[in-house]
Structure formats: C-alpha cells, structure tokens
Amino acid sequence: MKKPHLSVFTGELTHAHPLDVTCVKCGRVSRSYTREAAEKQVSESNSWIDSLPESEQKRQTRASLDMYVCLGCGGTDFRPSEAGDCPDGATLSPVIYEI
C-alpha cells in the first residue's frame, strides 16, 4: 500500500493515485493507460477528425500511439508512483503502461 502524504489543497492525508506512474529516466509523473484503452482513444480521435470538413481536417493533428510517452523525456520505462512523486494539482499526460 502506498504511504499517505499531506495534500497542499485540503491539508488532509492522501495517496498517489493507483493509475499514476513515474518515468524511470526523468521522474515525470503520468497517468497510465492500457494499450487497448490508448488504441480506442486514438481511433475515436481520428474518427472525429475524419468527420470534419476537409479544410478543417488539415488543421488537426492526428492521434497515434507514439503520443503515449513521457512528455518530459520521451521515455517509455515507468514504475508505479509513490507518495511525493507528484505535486497536488499537476496536469498528467497519458502513457501506455500495464499496471
């Protein structure tokens, strides 16, 4: 079980979220997604882009699984996060990691 830490927002004890993972290379915390969930998100995003008028499609960035890496260093090696790895209120990006 992960150790609790004091939330800077509530002043109460809290734990690292069970889906948070920490990059082994640079220490940035991300939210883990299964490959299946990431593939579904990519498909849904690209389907939405495909539904747009052609002129608008050109202004959109198509999703790919290559986007599910650490935004700090591009790494793909993670470990489950521990209390204190991530400050409260941080924005987390998605990565592929099977917990």
Protein backbone atom coordinates (compact mmCIF):
# COMPACT_ATOMS: atom_id res chain seq x y z
CA MET A 1 0.00 0.00 0.00
CA LYS A 2 1.27 3.45 -0.88
CA LYS A 3 2.13 5.78 2.00
CA PRO A 4 -0.13 8.80 2.52
CA HIS A 5 1.11 12.37 2.18
CA LEU A 6 -0.39 15.72 3.13
CA SER A 7 -2.41 17.40 0.36
CA VAL A 8 -1.44 21.03 -0.21
CA PHE A 9 -5.05 21.70 -1.26
CA THR A 10 -7.01 20.08 1.56
CA GLY A 11 -4.42 19.67 4.31
CA GLU A 12 -5.53 16.04 4.65
CA LEU A 13 -3.65 12.81 4.08
CA THR A 14 -3.81 11.46 0.54
CA HIS A 15 -2.08 8.79 -1.54
CA ALA A 16 -0.57 8.64 -5.01
CA HIS A 17 -3.34 7.70 -7.45
CA PRO A 18 -3.15 4.00 -8.34
CA LEU A 19 -3.01 4.82 -12.09
CA ASP A 20 -0.12 7.29 -11.75
CA VAL A 21 3.29 6.15 -12.95
CA THR A 22 6.69 7.82 -12.70
CA CYS A 23 9.21 7.90 -15.55
CA VAL A 24 12.30 5.96 -14.53
CA LYS A 25 14.52 8.26 -16.64
CA CYS A 26 13.37 11.78 -15.69
CA GLY A 27 10.90 11.40 -12.80
CA ARG A 28 7.89 13.00 -14.52
CA VAL A 29 4.55 11.56 -13.38
CA SER A 30 1.95 10.48 -15.97
CA ARG A 31 -1.39 8.66 -15.97
CA SER A 32 -1.21 5.05 -17.14
CA TYR A 33 -3.49 3.65 -19.83
CA THR A 34 -3.65 0.12 -21.17
CA ARG A 35 -2.66 -0.31 -24.80
CA GLU A 36 -6.28 -1.25 -25.51
CA ALA A 37 -7.59 1.98 -23.96
CA ALA A 38 -4.98 4.06 -25.80
CA GLU A 39 -5.85 2.40 -29.12
CA LYS A 40 -9.52 3.19 -28.52
CA GLN A 41 -8.75 6.85 -27.78
CA VAL A 42 -6.59 7.13 -30.90
CA SER A 43 -9.32 5.59 -33.04
CA GLU A 44 -12.05 7.83 -31.61
CA SER A 45 -9.93 10.96 -32.01
CA ASN A 46 -9.01 10.16 -35.61
CA SER A 47 -12.62 9.24 -36.44
CA TRP A 48 -13.71 12.64 -35.16
CA ILE A 49 -11.07 14.34 -37.35
CA ASP A 50 -12.27 12.30 -40.34
CA SER A 51 -15.82 13.60 -39.77
CA LEU A 52 -14.72 17.22 -40.15
CA PRO A 53 -14.75 19.16 -43.42
CA GLU A 54 -11.53 18.59 -45.38
CA SER A 55 -10.35 22.17 -44.79
CA GLU A 56 -10.65 21.64 -41.02
CA GLN A 57 -9.06 18.17 -41.10
CA LYS A 58 -5.82 19.71 -42.38
CA ARG A 59 -5.58 21.88 -39.25
CA GLN A 60 -5.87 18.96 -36.84
CA THR A 61 -3.13 16.67 -35.53
CA ARG A 62 -3.98 13.01 -35.95
CA ALA A 63 -3.52 10.90 -32.85
CA SER A 64 -1.14 7.95 -32.66
CA LEU A 65 0.21 5.60 -30.03
CA ASP A 66 3.55 7.41 -30.39
CA MET A 67 1.98 10.22 -28.33
CA TYR A 68 1.67 7.96 -25.26
CA VAL A 69 5.22 8.51 -23.96
CA CYS A 70 6.72 10.63 -21.19
CA LEU A 71 6.39 14.28 -22.16
CA GLY A 72 9.49 15.09 -20.13
CA CYS A 73 11.97 12.91 -21.99
CA GLY A 74 10.07 10.70 -24.45
CA GLY A 75 10.75 7.67 -22.27
CA THR A 76 8.65 4.54 -22.10
CA ASP A 77 10.02 2.95 -18.90
CA PHE A 78 7.82 3.64 -15.86
CA ARG A 79 7.22 2.46 -12.31
CA PRO A 80 4.15 2.89 -10.12
CA SER A 81 4.22 6.34 -8.50
CA GLU A 82 4.87 6.73 -4.81
CA ALA A 83 3.57 9.35 -2.44
CA GLY A 84 5.52 12.56 -3.02
CA ASP A 85 6.41 11.87 -6.66
CA CYS A 86 3.86 14.36 -7.98
CA PRO A 87 2.67 17.67 -6.53
CA ASP A 88 -1.07 18.04 -5.99
CA GLY A 89 -2.79 19.74 -8.91
CA ALA A 90 -0.26 18.74 -11.57
CA THR A 91 -1.57 18.04 -15.06
CA LEU A 92 -0.76 14.49 -16.13
CA SER A 93 -0.37 13.22 -19.66
CA PRO A 94 -1.31 9.69 -20.76
CA VAL A 95 1.25 6.92 -21.25
CA ILE A 96 0.91 3.24 -22.06
CA TYR A 97 1.73 1.16 -19.01
CA GLU A 98 0.05 -2.03 -17.80
CA ILE A 99 -0.26 -1.96 -14.00
